[in-house]
All heavy atoms as atom14 arrays in JSON, in Angstrom:
{
  "sequence": "VLFMDVLELLVAFLQAFIFTMLTALFIGTAV",
  "atom14_mask": [
    [1, 1, 1, 1, 1, 1, 1, 0, 0, 0, 0, 0, 0, 0],
    [1, 1, 1, 1, 1, 1, 1, 1, 0, 0, 0, 0, 0, 0],
    [1, 1, 1, 1, 1, 1, 1, 1, 1, 1, 1, 0, 0, 0],
    [1, 1, 1, 1, 1, 1, 1, 1, 0, 0, 0, 0, 0, 0],
    [1, 1, 1, 1, 1, 1, 1, 1, 0, 0, 0, 0, 0, 0],
    [1, 1, 1, 1, 1, 1, 1, 0, 0, 0, 0, 0, 0, 0],
    [1, 1, 1, 1, 1, 1, 1, 1, 0, 0, 0, 0, 0, 0],
    [1, 1, 1, 1, 1, 1, 1, 1, 1, 0, 0, 0, 0, 0],
    [1, 1, 1, 1, 1, 1, 1, 1, 0, 0, 0, 0, 0, 0],
    [1, 1, 1, 1, 1, 1, 1, 1, 0, 0, 0, 0, 0, 0],
    [1, 1, 1, 1, 1, 1, 1, 0, 0, 0, 0, 0, 0, 0],
    [1, 1, 1, 1, 1, 0, 0, 0, 0, 0, 0, 0, 0, 0],
    [1, 1, 1, 1, 1, 1, 1, 1, 1, 1, 1, 0, 0, 0],
    [1, 1, 1, 1, 1, 1, 1, 1, 0, 0, 0, 0, 0, 0],
    [1, 1, 1, 1, 1, 1, 1, 1, 1, 0, 0, 0, 0, 0],
    [1, 1, 1, 1, 1, 0, 0, 0, 0, 0, 0, 0, 0, 0],
    [1, 1, 1, 1, 1, 1, 1, 1, 1, 1, 1, 0, 0, 0],
    [1, 1, 1, 1, 1, 1, 1, 1, 0, 0, 0, 0, 0, 0],
    [1, 1, 1, 1, 1, 1, 1, 1, 1, 1, 1, 0, 0, 0],
    [1, 1, 1, 1, 1, 1, 1, 0, 0, 0, 0, 0, 0, 0],
    [1, 1, 1, 1, 1, 1, 1, 1, 0, 0, 0, 0, 0, 0],
    [1, 1, 1, 1, 1, 1, 1, 1, 0, 0, 0, 0, 0, 0],
    [1, 1, 1, 1, 1, 1, 1, 0, 0, 0, 0, 0, 0, 0],
    [1, 1, 1, 1, 1, 0, 0, 0, 0, 0, 0, 0, 0, 0],
    [1, 1, 1, 1, 1, 1, 1, 1, 0, 0, 0, 0, 0, 0],
    [1, 1, 1, 1, 1, 1, 1, 1, 1, 1, 1, 0, 0, 0],
    [1, 1, 1, 1, 1, 1, 1, 1, 0, 0, 0, 0, 0, 0],
    [1, 1, 1, 1, 0, 0, 0, 0, 0, 0, 0, 0, 0, 0],
    [1, 1, 1, 1, 1, 1, 1, 0, 0, 0, 0, 0, 0, 0],
    [1, 1, 1, 1, 1, 0, 0, 0, 0, 0, 0, 0, 0, 0],
    [1, 1, 1, 1, 1, 1, 1, 0, 0, 0, 0, 0, 0, 0]
  ],
  "atom14_positions": [
    [[27.87, -17.39, -3.0], [26.67, -18.23, -2.91], [26.48, -18.74, -1.49], [25.35, -18.75, -0.98], [26.76, -19.4, -3.92], [25.72, -20.47, -3.62], [26.59, -18.9, -5.33], [0.0, 0.0, 0.0], [0.0, 0.0, 0.0], [0.0, 0.0, 0.0], [0.0, 0.0, 0.0], [0.0, 0.0, 0.0], [0.0, 0.0, 0.0], [0.0, 0.0, 0.0]],
    [[27.56, -19.14, -0.84], [27.44, -19.58, 0.56], [26.98, -18.44, 1.46], [26.16, -18.64, 2.36], [28.78, -20.14, 1.05], [29.19, -21.48, 0.45], [30.58, -21.88, 0.91], [28.17, -22.55, 0.82], [0.0, 0.0, 0.0], [0.0, 0.0, 0.0], [0.0, 0.0, 0.0], [0.0, 0.0, 0.0], [0.0, 0.0, 0.0], [0.0, 0.0, 0.0]],
    [[27.49, -17.24, 1.22], [27.03, -16.08, 1.99], [25.54, -15.84, 1.75], [24.79, -15.58, 2.69], [27.84, -14.84, 1.61], [27.32, -13.58, 2.21], [27.49, -13.31, 3.56], [26.61, -12.66, 1.44], [27.0, -12.16, 4.14], [26.1, -11.5, 2.0], [26.3, -11.25, 3.36], [0.0, 0.0, 0.0], [0.0, 0.0, 0.0], [0.0, 0.0, 0.0]],
    [[25.12, -15.91, 0.51], [23.7, -15.7, 0.19], [22.82, -16.79, 0.81], [21.71, -16.51, 1.24], [23.48, -15.65, -1.32], [23.86, -14.34, -1.96], [23.0, -12.94, -1.25], [21.31, -13.35, -1.6], [0.0, 0.0, 0.0], [0.0, 0.0, 0.0], [0.0, 0.0, 0.0], [0.0, 0.0, 0.0], [0.0, 0.0, 0.0], [0.0, 0.0, 0.0]],
    [[23.33, -18.04, 0.84], [22.55, -19.11, 1.46], [22.37, -18.88, 2.95], [21.29, -19.15, 3.5], [23.21, -20.46, 1.2], [22.95, -20.97, -0.2], [21.98, -20.48, -0.83], [23.7, -21.84, -0.67], [0.0, 0.0, 0.0], [0.0, 0.0, 0.0], [0.0, 0.0, 0.0], [0.0, 0.0, 0.0], [0.0, 0.0, 0.0], [0.0, 0.0, 0.0]],
    [[23.4, -18.38, 3.62], [23.26, -18.06, 5.04], [22.28, -16.91, 5.22], [21.45, -16.91, 6.13], [24.64, -17.72, 5.64], [24.5, -17.17, 7.05], [25.53, -18.95, 5.65], [0.0, 0.0, 0.0], [0.0, 0.0, 0.0], [0.0, 0.0, 0.0], [0.0, 0.0, 0.0], [0.0, 0.0, 0.0], [0.0, 0.0, 0.0], [0.0, 0.0, 0.0]],
    [[22.35, -15.93, 4.33], [21.41, -14.82, 4.37], [19.98, -15.3, 4.1], [19.03, -14.8, 4.7], [21.82, -13.75, 3.36], [21.18, -12.39, 3.48], [21.49, -11.77, 4.82], [21.68, -11.49, 2.37], [0.0, 0.0, 0.0], [0.0, 0.0, 0.0], [0.0, 0.0, 0.0], [0.0, 0.0, 0.0], [0.0, 0.0, 0.0], [0.0, 0.0, 0.0]],
    [[19.84, -16.27, 3.23], [18.52, -16.84, 2.93], [17.91, -17.55, 4.14], [16.69, -17.61, 4.27], [18.61, -17.82, 1.75], [18.76, -17.15, 0.41], [17.48, -16.54, -0.07], [16.42, -17.2, 0.03], [17.52, -15.4, -0.53], [0.0, 0.0, 0.0], [0.0, 0.0, 0.0], [0.0, 0.0, 0.0], [0.0, 0.0, 0.0], [0.0, 0.0, 0.0]],
    [[18.75, -18.09, 5.03], [18.23, -18.68, 6.26], [17.54, -17.62, 7.1], [16.47, -17.87, 7.68], [19.36, -19.34, 7.06], [19.92, -20.63, 6.51], [21.15, -21.05, 7.31], [18.87, -21.72, 6.55], [0.0, 0.0, 0.0], [0.0, 0.0, 0.0], [0.0, 0.0, 0.0], [0.0, 0.0, 0.0], [0.0, 0.0, 0.0], [0.0, 0.0, 0.0]],
    [[18.14, -16.45, 7.17], [17.53, -15.35, 7.9], [16.25, -14.89, 7.2], [15.22, -14.66, 7.85], [18.5, -14.18, 8.03], [17.94, -12.9, 8.64], [17.61, -13.11, 10.1], [18.92, -11.77, 8.46], [0.0, 0.0, 0.0], [0.0, 0.0, 0.0], [0.0, 0.0, 0.0], [0.0, 0.0, 0.0], [0.0, 0.0, 0.0], [0.0, 0.0, 0.0]],
    [[16.3, -14.77, 5.89], [15.14, -14.31, 5.12], [13.99, -15.31, 5.24], [12.83, -14.91, 5.29], [15.54, -14.07, 3.64], [14.32, -13.83, 2.77], [16.5, -12.89, 3.55], [0.0, 0.0, 0.0], [0.0, 0.0, 0.0], [0.0, 0.0, 0.0], [0.0, 0.0, 0.0], [0.0, 0.0, 0.0], [0.0, 0.0, 0.0], [0.0, 0.0, 0.0]],
    [[14.29, -16.6, 5.3], [13.25, -17.62, 5.44], [12.43, -17.38, 6.69], [11.19, -17.42, 6.66], [13.87, -19.01, 5.47], [0.0, 0.0, 0.0], [0.0, 0.0, 0.0], [0.0, 0.0, 0.0], [0.0, 0.0, 0.0], [0.0, 0.0, 0.0], [0.0, 0.0, 0.0], [0.0, 0.0, 0.0], [0.0, 0.0, 0.0], [0.0, 0.0, 0.0]],
    [[13.1, -17.13, 7.81], [12.38, -16.86, 9.06], [11.71, -15.49, 9.01], [10.56, -15.33, 9.41], [13.35, -16.92, 10.25], [12.72, -16.47, 11.53], [11.88, -17.33, 12.23], [12.94, -15.2, 12.02], [11.29, -16.92, 13.41], [12.34, -14.79, 13.19], [11.52, -15.65, 13.89], [0.0, 0.0, 0.0], [0.0, 0.0, 0.0], [0.0, 0.0, 0.0]],
    [[12.43, -14.5, 8.52], [11.92, -13.13, 8.53], [10.65, -12.98, 7.7], [9.71, -12.3, 8.11], [13.01, -12.18, 8.02], [12.81, -10.7, 8.25], [12.75, -10.42, 9.73], [13.95, -9.93, 7.61], [0.0, 0.0, 0.0], [0.0, 0.0, 0.0], [0.0, 0.0, 0.0], [0.0, 0.0, 0.0], [0.0, 0.0, 0.0], [0.0, 0.0, 0.0]],
    [[10.59, -13.61, 6.55], [9.41, -13.51, 5.71], [8.21, -14.21, 6.34], [7.08, -13.73, 6.24], [9.68, -14.05, 4.31], [10.58, -13.17, 3.49], [10.07, -11.75, 3.41], [8.91, -11.51, 3.13], [10.96, -10.79, 3.67], [0.0, 0.0, 0.0], [0.0, 0.0, 0.0], [0.0, 0.0, 0.0], [0.0, 0.0, 0.0], [0.0, 0.0, 0.0]],
    [[8.44, -15.34, 7.0], [7.34, -16.01, 7.7], [6.85, -15.13, 8.85], [5.64, -15.0, 9.07], [7.81, -17.37, 8.23], [0.0, 0.0, 0.0], [0.0, 0.0, 0.0], [0.0, 0.0, 0.0], [0.0, 0.0, 0.0], [0.0, 0.0, 0.0], [0.0, 0.0, 0.0], [0.0, 0.0, 0.0], [0.0, 0.0, 0.0], [0.0, 0.0, 0.0]],
    [[7.77, -14.51, 9.56], [7.41, -13.64, 10.68], [6.62, -12.42, 10.2], [5.58, -12.08, 10.76], [8.68, -13.21, 11.42], [8.42, -12.35, 12.61], [8.07, -12.91, 13.82], [8.53, -10.97, 12.52], [7.82, -12.12, 14.94], [8.28, -10.17, 13.62], [7.93, -10.74, 14.83], [0.0, 0.0, 0.0], [0.0, 0.0, 0.0], [0.0, 0.0, 0.0]],
    [[7.1, -11.77, 9.14], [6.43, -10.57, 8.63], [5.05, -10.88, 8.09], [4.09, -10.16, 8.35], [7.31, -9.88, 7.58], [8.54, -9.26, 8.24], [6.54, -8.81, 6.81], [9.57, -8.74, 7.28], [0.0, 0.0, 0.0], [0.0, 0.0, 0.0], [0.0, 0.0, 0.0], [0.0, 0.0, 0.0], [0.0, 0.0, 0.0], [0.0, 0.0, 0.0]],
    [[4.92, -11.96, 7.33], [3.62, -12.35, 6.79], [2.63, -12.61, 7.93], [1.49, -12.15, 7.89], [3.76, -13.6, 5.91], [2.58, -13.89, 5.05], [2.56, -13.49, 3.73], [1.48, -14.57, 5.54], [1.46, -13.76, 2.91], [0.38, -14.84, 4.74], [0.38, -14.43, 3.43], [0.0, 0.0, 0.0], [0.0, 0.0, 0.0], [0.0, 0.0, 0.0]],
    [[3.09, -13.3, 8.96], [2.22, -13.62, 10.09], [1.88, -12.37, 10.89], [0.73, -12.18, 11.32], [2.89, -14.67, 11.0], [3.3, -15.77, 10.2], [1.94, -15.14, 12.07], [0.0, 0.0, 0.0], [0.0, 0.0, 0.0], [0.0, 0.0, 0.0], [0.0, 0.0, 0.0], [0.0, 0.0, 0.0], [0.0, 0.0, 0.0], [0.0, 0.0, 0.0]],
    [[2.86, -11.49, 11.08], [2.6, -10.27, 11.83], [1.6, -9.37, 11.11], [0.68, -8.83, 11.72], [3.89, -9.5, 12.08], [3.69, -8.28, 12.96], [5.16, -7.3, 13.15], [5.37, -6.68, 11.51], [0.0, 0.0, 0.0], [0.0, 0.0, 0.0], [0.0, 0.0, 0.0], [0.0, 0.0, 0.0], [0.0, 0.0, 0.0], [0.0, 0.0, 0.0]],
    [[1.75, -9.22, 9.8], [0.81, -8.4, 9.04], [-0.58, -9.04, 9.01], [-1.59, -8.34, 9.04], [1.34, -8.14, 7.64], [2.55, -7.2, 7.58], [3.09, -7.12, 6.17], [2.19, -5.83, 8.1], [0.0, 0.0, 0.0], [0.0, 0.0, 0.0], [0.0, 0.0, 0.0], [0.0, 0.0, 0.0], [0.0, 0.0, 0.0], [0.0, 0.0, 0.0]],
    [[-0.63, -10.36, 8.95], [-1.93, -11.04, 9.02], [-2.61, -10.74, 10.35], [-3.8, -10.42, 10.39], [-1.74, -12.56, 8.85], [-1.16, -12.82, 7.57], [-3.06, -13.29, 8.97], [0.0, 0.0, 0.0], [0.0, 0.0, 0.0], [0.0, 0.0, 0.0], [0.0, 0.0, 0.0], [0.0, 0.0, 0.0], [0.0, 0.0, 0.0], [0.0, 0.0, 0.0]],
    [[-1.86, -10.82, 11.43], [-2.42, -10.51, 12.75], [-2.85, -9.05, 12.83], [-3.88, -8.72, 13.43], [-1.4, -10.82, 13.84], [0.0, 0.0, 0.0], [0.0, 0.0, 0.0], [0.0, 0.0, 0.0], [0.0, 0.0, 0.0], [0.0, 0.0, 0.0], [0.0, 0.0, 0.0], [0.0, 0.0, 0.0], [0.0, 0.0, 0.0], [0.0, 0.0, 0.0]],
    [[-2.09, -8.17, 12.22], [-2.45, -6.75, 12.22], [-3.75, -6.51, 11.46], [-4.62, -5.76, 11.92], [-1.31, -5.93, 11.61], [-1.47, -4.43, 11.62], [-1.39, -3.91, 13.04], [-0.4, -3.8, 10.76], [0.0, 0.0, 0.0], [0.0, 0.0, 0.0], [0.0, 0.0, 0.0], [0.0, 0.0, 0.0], [0.0, 0.0, 0.0], [0.0, 0.0, 0.0]],
    [[-3.9, -7.17, 10.3], [-5.13, -7.03, 9.52], [-6.32, -7.6, 10.27], [-7.41, -7.02, 10.26], [-4.99, -7.7, 8.15], [-3.92, -7.1, 7.28], [-3.35, -7.84, 6.27], [-3.49, -5.8, 7.46], [-2.37, -7.3, 5.46], [-2.5, -5.25, 6.65], [-1.95, -6.01, 5.66], [0.0, 0.0, 0.0], [0.0, 0.0, 0.0], [0.0, 0.0, 0.0]],
    [[-6.12, -8.73, 10.94], [-7.2, -9.31, 11.74], [-7.54, -8.37, 12.89], [-8.72, -8.14, 13.2], [-6.8, -10.71, 12.27], [-6.71, -11.7, 11.12], [-7.81, -11.2, 13.32], [-6.11, -13.04, 11.5], [0.0, 0.0, 0.0], [0.0, 0.0, 0.0], [0.0, 0.0, 0.0], [0.0, 0.0, 0.0], [0.0, 0.0, 0.0], [0.0, 0.0, 0.0]],
    [[-6.53, -7.81, 13.52], [-6.75, -6.89, 14.63], [-7.54, -5.66, 14.24], [-8.41, -5.21, 15.0], [0.0, 0.0, 0.0], [0.0, 0.0, 0.0], [0.0, 0.0, 0.0], [0.0, 0.0, 0.0], [0.0, 0.0, 0.0], [0.0, 0.0, 0.0], [0.0, 0.0, 0.0], [0.0, 0.0, 0.0], [0.0, 0.0, 0.0], [0.0, 0.0, 0.0]],
    [[-7.27, -5.12, 13.06], [-8.05, -3.95, 12.62], [-9.49, -4.33, 12.29], [-10.38, -3.48, 12.39], [-7.4, -3.27, 11.39], [-7.29, -4.22, 10.33], [-6.05, -2.71, 11.73], [0.0, 0.0, 0.0], [0.0, 0.0, 0.0], [0.0, 0.0, 0.0], [0.0, 0.0, 0.0], [0.0, 0.0, 0.0], [0.0, 0.0, 0.0], [0.0, 0.0, 0.0]],
    [[-9.71, -5.57, 11.9], [-11.07, -5.99, 11.56], [-11.91, -6.33, 12.78], [-13.13, -6.21, 12.74], [-11.03, -7.19, 10.62], [0.0, 0.0, 0.0], [0.0, 0.0, 0.0], [0.0, 0.0, 0.0], [0.0, 0.0, 0.0], [0.0, 0.0, 0.0], [0.0, 0.0, 0.0], [0.0, 0.0, 0.0], [0.0, 0.0, 0.0], [0.0, 0.0, 0.0]],
    [[-11.28, -6.75, 13.87], [-12.05, -7.2, 15.03], [-11.97, -6.24, 16.21], [-12.57, -6.52, 17.25], [-11.61, -8.62, 15.49], [-11.82, -9.63, 14.4], [-10.19, -8.62, 16.01], [0.0, 0.0, 0.0], [0.0, 0.0, 0.0], [0.0, 0.0, 0.0], [0.0, 0.0, 0.0], [0.0, 0.0, 0.0], [0.0, 0.0, 0.0], [0.0, 0.0, 0.0]]
  ]
}
């Protein structure tokens, strides 16, 4: 569980980064 919690810290940042990057990509294709 402690290992997974440390991994979840990475996933927390990574998912925010990926969501934002894909949003920017979709905006970029539209404009």
